[in-house]
Amino acid sequence: MEMNKPCPAFTSTGICKRSRCAFIHDPDKTAICKPFLFKGHCPKGSACPLSHKPSANRSPHCIHFQEGNCSKEDCPYAHVHVGADAPICEAFARLGYCEKGAECAEQHAFECPDFANKGSCEVGGCRLPHIRHAARLRKARESAEAESKWNTTDEEQEDGDENQDDDSDREDEQKDKAMSYDDAHALTQQADFIPLG
């Protein structure tokens, strides 16, 4: 157990109920208060254990800034350029705080990183939102298709080649049978008379 890691409970909620917690409790590294972030004020005021100071470490990325459309000077969301196909940051999603801040190459969003990045979540009773993103689903499907193509073994390819040879042999036999049938049929249909005129 690493003792120099931040306390997950304290970082995400501002409170830790353990009397002898071995993790770090740093009030400057707590998640942002969501009512403050969304509405601009918090009903708990200064008694709130979470942060009321937006930063790239604790605020989700501004989607309008990503699209070049955010004109708010005091936007509480982080104005950081991250690729649209970048995975969800595990630390930010689970703790509400990311040490890397603006240097993080992953997306800061309030959603389940397992579901977003892998397409499924194995955490029973997961409290994080499971959001289906069309672009991510398309990318996951394409990578799964590409992986299945690469996983084709040499034996399967050889079997495929043999099957193709068998198929071509069958086609040749069918053509031969069709020709002999047509020839035999033509003999039985000969005209016994000579057409006049």
Protein backbone atom coordinates (compact mmCIF):
# COMPACT_ATOMS: atom_id res chain seq x y z
CA MET A 1 0.00 0.00 0.00
CA GLU A 2 1.44 3.37 -1.07
CA MET A 3 1.10 5.89 1.75
CA ASN A 4 2.02 8.91 -0.38
CA LYS A 5 -1.13 8.60 -2.51
CA PRO A 6 -4.11 10.89 -1.95
CA CYS A 7 -6.97 9.50 0.09
CA PRO A 8 -9.74 8.57 -2.38
CA ALA A 9 -12.51 9.40 0.11
CA PHE A 10 -11.03 12.76 1.14
CA THR A 11 -10.14 13.80 -2.41
CA SER A 12 -13.57 12.98 -3.84
CA THR A 13 -15.78 14.12 -0.93
CA GLY A 14 -13.60 16.35 1.26
CA ILE A 15 -14.24 14.03 4.20
CA CYS A 16 -12.51 10.89 5.46
CA LYS A 17 -14.10 8.90 8.29
CA ARG A 18 -11.06 6.74 9.03
CA SER A 19 -9.38 7.66 12.30
CA ARG A 20 -5.96 6.40 11.13
CA CYS A 21 -6.01 6.84 7.37
CA ALA A 22 -2.60 6.14 5.82
CA PHE A 23 -3.28 8.29 2.74
CA ILE A 24 -2.67 12.00 2.21
CA HIS A 25 -5.45 14.47 3.09
CA ASP A 26 -4.60 17.63 1.14
CA PRO A 27 -7.39 20.26 1.17
CA ASP A 28 -5.82 21.85 -1.95
CA LYS A 29 -6.36 18.60 -3.84
CA THR A 30 -10.07 18.00 -3.41
CA ALA A 31 -12.74 17.67 -6.10
CA ILE A 32 -14.80 20.65 -7.13
CA CYS A 33 -18.21 21.19 -5.55
CA LYS A 34 -20.71 20.30 -8.31
CA PRO A 35 -23.43 22.78 -7.20
CA PHE A 36 -20.79 25.51 -7.26
CA LEU A 37 -19.55 24.38 -10.67
CA PHE A 38 -23.02 24.08 -12.25
CA LYS A 39 -24.85 26.97 -10.57
CA GLY A 40 -22.07 29.31 -9.45
CA HIS A 41 -22.98 29.04 -5.76
CA CYS A 42 -23.12 26.40 -3.04
CA PRO A 43 -25.83 26.14 -0.36
CA LYS A 44 -23.17 25.10 2.21
CA GLY A 45 -21.04 28.16 1.53
CA SER A 46 -17.69 28.18 3.33
CA ALA A 47 -18.72 25.06 5.30
CA CYS A 48 -18.52 22.98 2.11
CA PRO A 49 -15.66 20.45 2.33
CA LEU A 50 -15.11 20.50 -1.45
CA SER A 51 -13.28 23.09 -3.52
CA HIS A 52 -14.89 26.25 -4.86
CA LYS A 53 -11.83 27.09 -6.96
CA PRO A 54 -12.11 25.80 -10.54
CA SER A 55 -8.86 24.61 -12.09
CA ALA A 56 -7.61 22.25 -14.81
CA ASN A 57 -6.95 19.71 -12.03
CA ARG A 58 -10.51 19.55 -10.72
CA SER A 59 -12.82 20.93 -13.42
CA PRO A 60 -14.08 18.90 -16.37
CA HIS A 61 -12.98 20.03 -19.81
CA CYS A 62 -15.12 22.66 -21.51
CA ILE A 63 -16.75 21.00 -24.53
CA HIS A 64 -17.50 24.41 -26.08
CA PHE A 65 -13.81 25.36 -25.87
CA GLN A 66 -12.92 22.07 -27.57
CA GLU A 67 -15.15 23.11 -30.48
CA GLY A 68 -13.78 26.67 -30.46
CA ASN A 69 -17.08 28.18 -29.25
CA CYS A 70 -16.57 29.20 -25.59
CA SER A 71 -16.70 32.94 -25.14
CA LYS A 72 -17.03 32.99 -21.32
CA GLU A 73 -14.08 34.78 -19.72
CA ASP A 74 -14.82 33.27 -16.31
CA CYS A 75 -15.74 29.78 -17.56
CA PRO A 76 -15.44 27.36 -14.62
CA TYR A 77 -14.64 24.46 -16.97
CA ALA A 78 -11.04 23.73 -17.97
CA HIS A 79 -9.97 25.23 -21.29
CA VAL A 80 -7.61 22.47 -22.41
CA HIS A 81 -7.17 20.97 -25.89
CA VAL A 82 -7.57 17.19 -25.80
CA GLY A 83 -8.29 14.87 -28.72
CA ALA A 84 -11.94 13.89 -29.17
CA ASP A 85 -10.95 10.22 -29.12
CA ALA A 86 -8.77 10.56 -25.99
CA PRO A 87 -9.77 8.17 -23.19
CA ILE A 88 -11.44 9.35 -19.98
CA CYS A 89 -8.94 10.15 -17.21
CA GLU A 90 -9.23 7.48 -14.50
CA ALA A 91 -8.00 9.76 -11.68
CA PHE A 92 -10.35 12.60 -12.58
CA ALA A 93 -13.37 10.35 -13.04
CA ARG A 94 -12.89 8.44 -9.79
CA LEU A 95 -11.44 11.13 -7.51
CA GLY A 96 -12.56 14.38 -9.12
CA TYR A 97 -8.94 15.53 -9.13
CA CYS A 98 -6.05 14.90 -11.52
CA GLU A 99 -2.45 15.72 -10.55
CA LYS A 100 -1.51 16.36 -14.19
CA GLY A 101 -4.10 19.11 -14.66
CA ALA A 102 -3.69 20.90 -18.02
CA GLU A 103 -0.84 18.51 -18.94
CA CYS A 104 -3.13 15.47 -18.86
CA ALA A 105 -3.63 14.00 -22.34
CA GLU A 106 -6.90 12.35 -21.31
CA GLN A 107 -10.39 13.80 -21.05
CA HIS A 108 -11.62 15.10 -17.72
CA ALA A 109 -15.32 14.23 -17.50
CA PHE A 110 -17.80 13.07 -14.88
CA GLU A 111 -18.39 9.58 -16.31
CA CYS A 112 -17.30 6.00 -15.79
CA PRO A 113 -13.84 5.54 -17.36
CA ASP A 114 -14.26 1.77 -17.73
CA PHE A 115 -17.54 2.09 -19.61
CA ALA A 116 -16.26 4.98 -21.75
CA ASN A 117 -12.85 3.47 -22.54
CA LYS A 118 -13.65 -0.26 -22.71
CA GLY A 119 -17.37 -0.38 -23.45
CA SER A 120 -18.28 -2.19 -20.22
CA CYS A 121 -18.06 -1.69 -16.47
CA GLU A 122 -17.36 -4.52 -14.05
CA VAL A 123 -17.86 -2.41 -10.91
CA GLY A 124 -20.99 -3.56 -9.13
CA GLY A 125 -23.19 -0.60 -8.21
CA CYS A 126 -21.00 1.86 -10.12
CA ARG A 127 -22.21 5.37 -9.30
CA LEU A 128 -20.55 7.07 -12.24
CA PRO A 129 -22.66 7.78 -15.34
CA HIS A 130 -22.39 5.24 -18.17
CA ILE A 131 -22.61 7.39 -21.30
CA ARG A 132 -22.67 5.95 -24.82
CA HIS A 133 -20.66 8.11 -27.21
CA ALA A 134 -21.22 7.33 -30.89
CA ALA A 135 -17.64 8.16 -31.87
CA ARG A 136 -16.17 5.97 -29.11
CA LEU A 137 -18.51 3.08 -29.91
CA ARG A 138 -17.58 3.32 -33.60
CA LYS A 139 -13.86 3.36 -32.73
CA ALA A 140 -14.25 0.36 -30.38
CA ARG A 141 -16.16 -1.59 -33.06
CA GLU A 142 -13.51 -0.80 -35.69
CA SER A 143 -10.67 -1.84 -33.39
CA ALA A 144 -12.50 -5.09 -32.50
CA GLU A 145 -13.00 -5.85 -36.20
CA ALA A 146 -9.36 -5.11 -36.96
CA GLU A 147 -8.25 -7.31 -34.05
CA SER A 148 -10.41 -10.22 -35.23
CA LYS A 149 -8.81 -9.97 -38.69
CA TRP A 150 -5.31 -10.06 -37.18
CA ASN A 151 -6.23 -13.01 -34.97
CA THR A 152 -6.91 -15.24 -37.98
CA THR A 153 -4.36 -18.03 -37.71
CA ASP A 154 -2.29 -19.50 -40.53
CA GLU A 155 -4.24 -22.76 -40.16
CA GLU A 156 -7.51 -20.93 -40.73
CA GLN A 157 -6.02 -19.28 -43.79
CA GLU A 158 -4.79 -22.67 -45.08
CA ASP A 159 -8.21 -24.17 -44.40
CA GLY A 160 -9.71 -21.27 -46.30
CA ASP A 161 -7.36 -21.93 -49.23
CA GLU A 162 -8.25 -25.64 -49.22
CA ASN A 163 -11.95 -24.77 -49.09
CA GLN A 164 -11.47 -22.48 -52.08
CA ASP A 165 -9.74 -25.31 -53.98
CA ASP A 166 -12.60 -27.67 -53.06
CA ASP A 167 -15.13 -25.06 -54.17
CA SER A 168 -13.41 -24.59 -57.55
CA ASP A 169 -13.24 -28.40 -58.05
CA ARG A 170 -16.96 -28.63 -57.31
CA GLU A 171 -17.71 -25.84 -59.79
CA ASP A 172 -15.71 -27.64 -62.51
CA GLU A 173 -17.60 -30.90 -61.84
CA GLN A 174 -20.93 -29.09 -62.01
CA LYS A 175 -19.95 -27.48 -65.32
CA ASP A 176 -18.93 -30.87 -66.73
CA LYS A 177 -22.23 -32.41 -65.61
CA ALA A 178 -24.19 -29.51 -67.05
CA MET A 179 -22.39 -29.82 -70.39
CA SER A 180 -22.93 -33.59 -70.62
CA TYR A 181 -26.60 -33.16 -69.72
CA ASP A 182 -27.02 -30.45 -72.35
CA ASP A 183 -25.27 -32.65 -74.95
CA ALA A 184 -27.47 -35.67 -74.13
CA HIS A 185 -30.58 -33.52 -74.15
CA ALA A 186 -29.64 -32.08 -77.52
CA LEU A 187 -29.37 -35.60 -78.98
CA THR A 188 -32.86 -36.59 -77.83
CA GLN A 189 -34.38 -33.44 -79.23
CA GLN A 190 -33.13 -33.87 -82.81
CA ALA A 191 -35.66 -33.10 -85.42
CA ASP A 192 -36.89 -36.05 -87.48
CA PHE A 193 -38.02 -33.78 -90.26
CA ILE A 194 -36.56 -31.16 -92.51
CA PRO A 195 -38.22 -27.82 -92.25
CA LEU A 196 -39.65 -26.51 -95.53
CA GLY A 197 -38.96 -23.07 -96.64
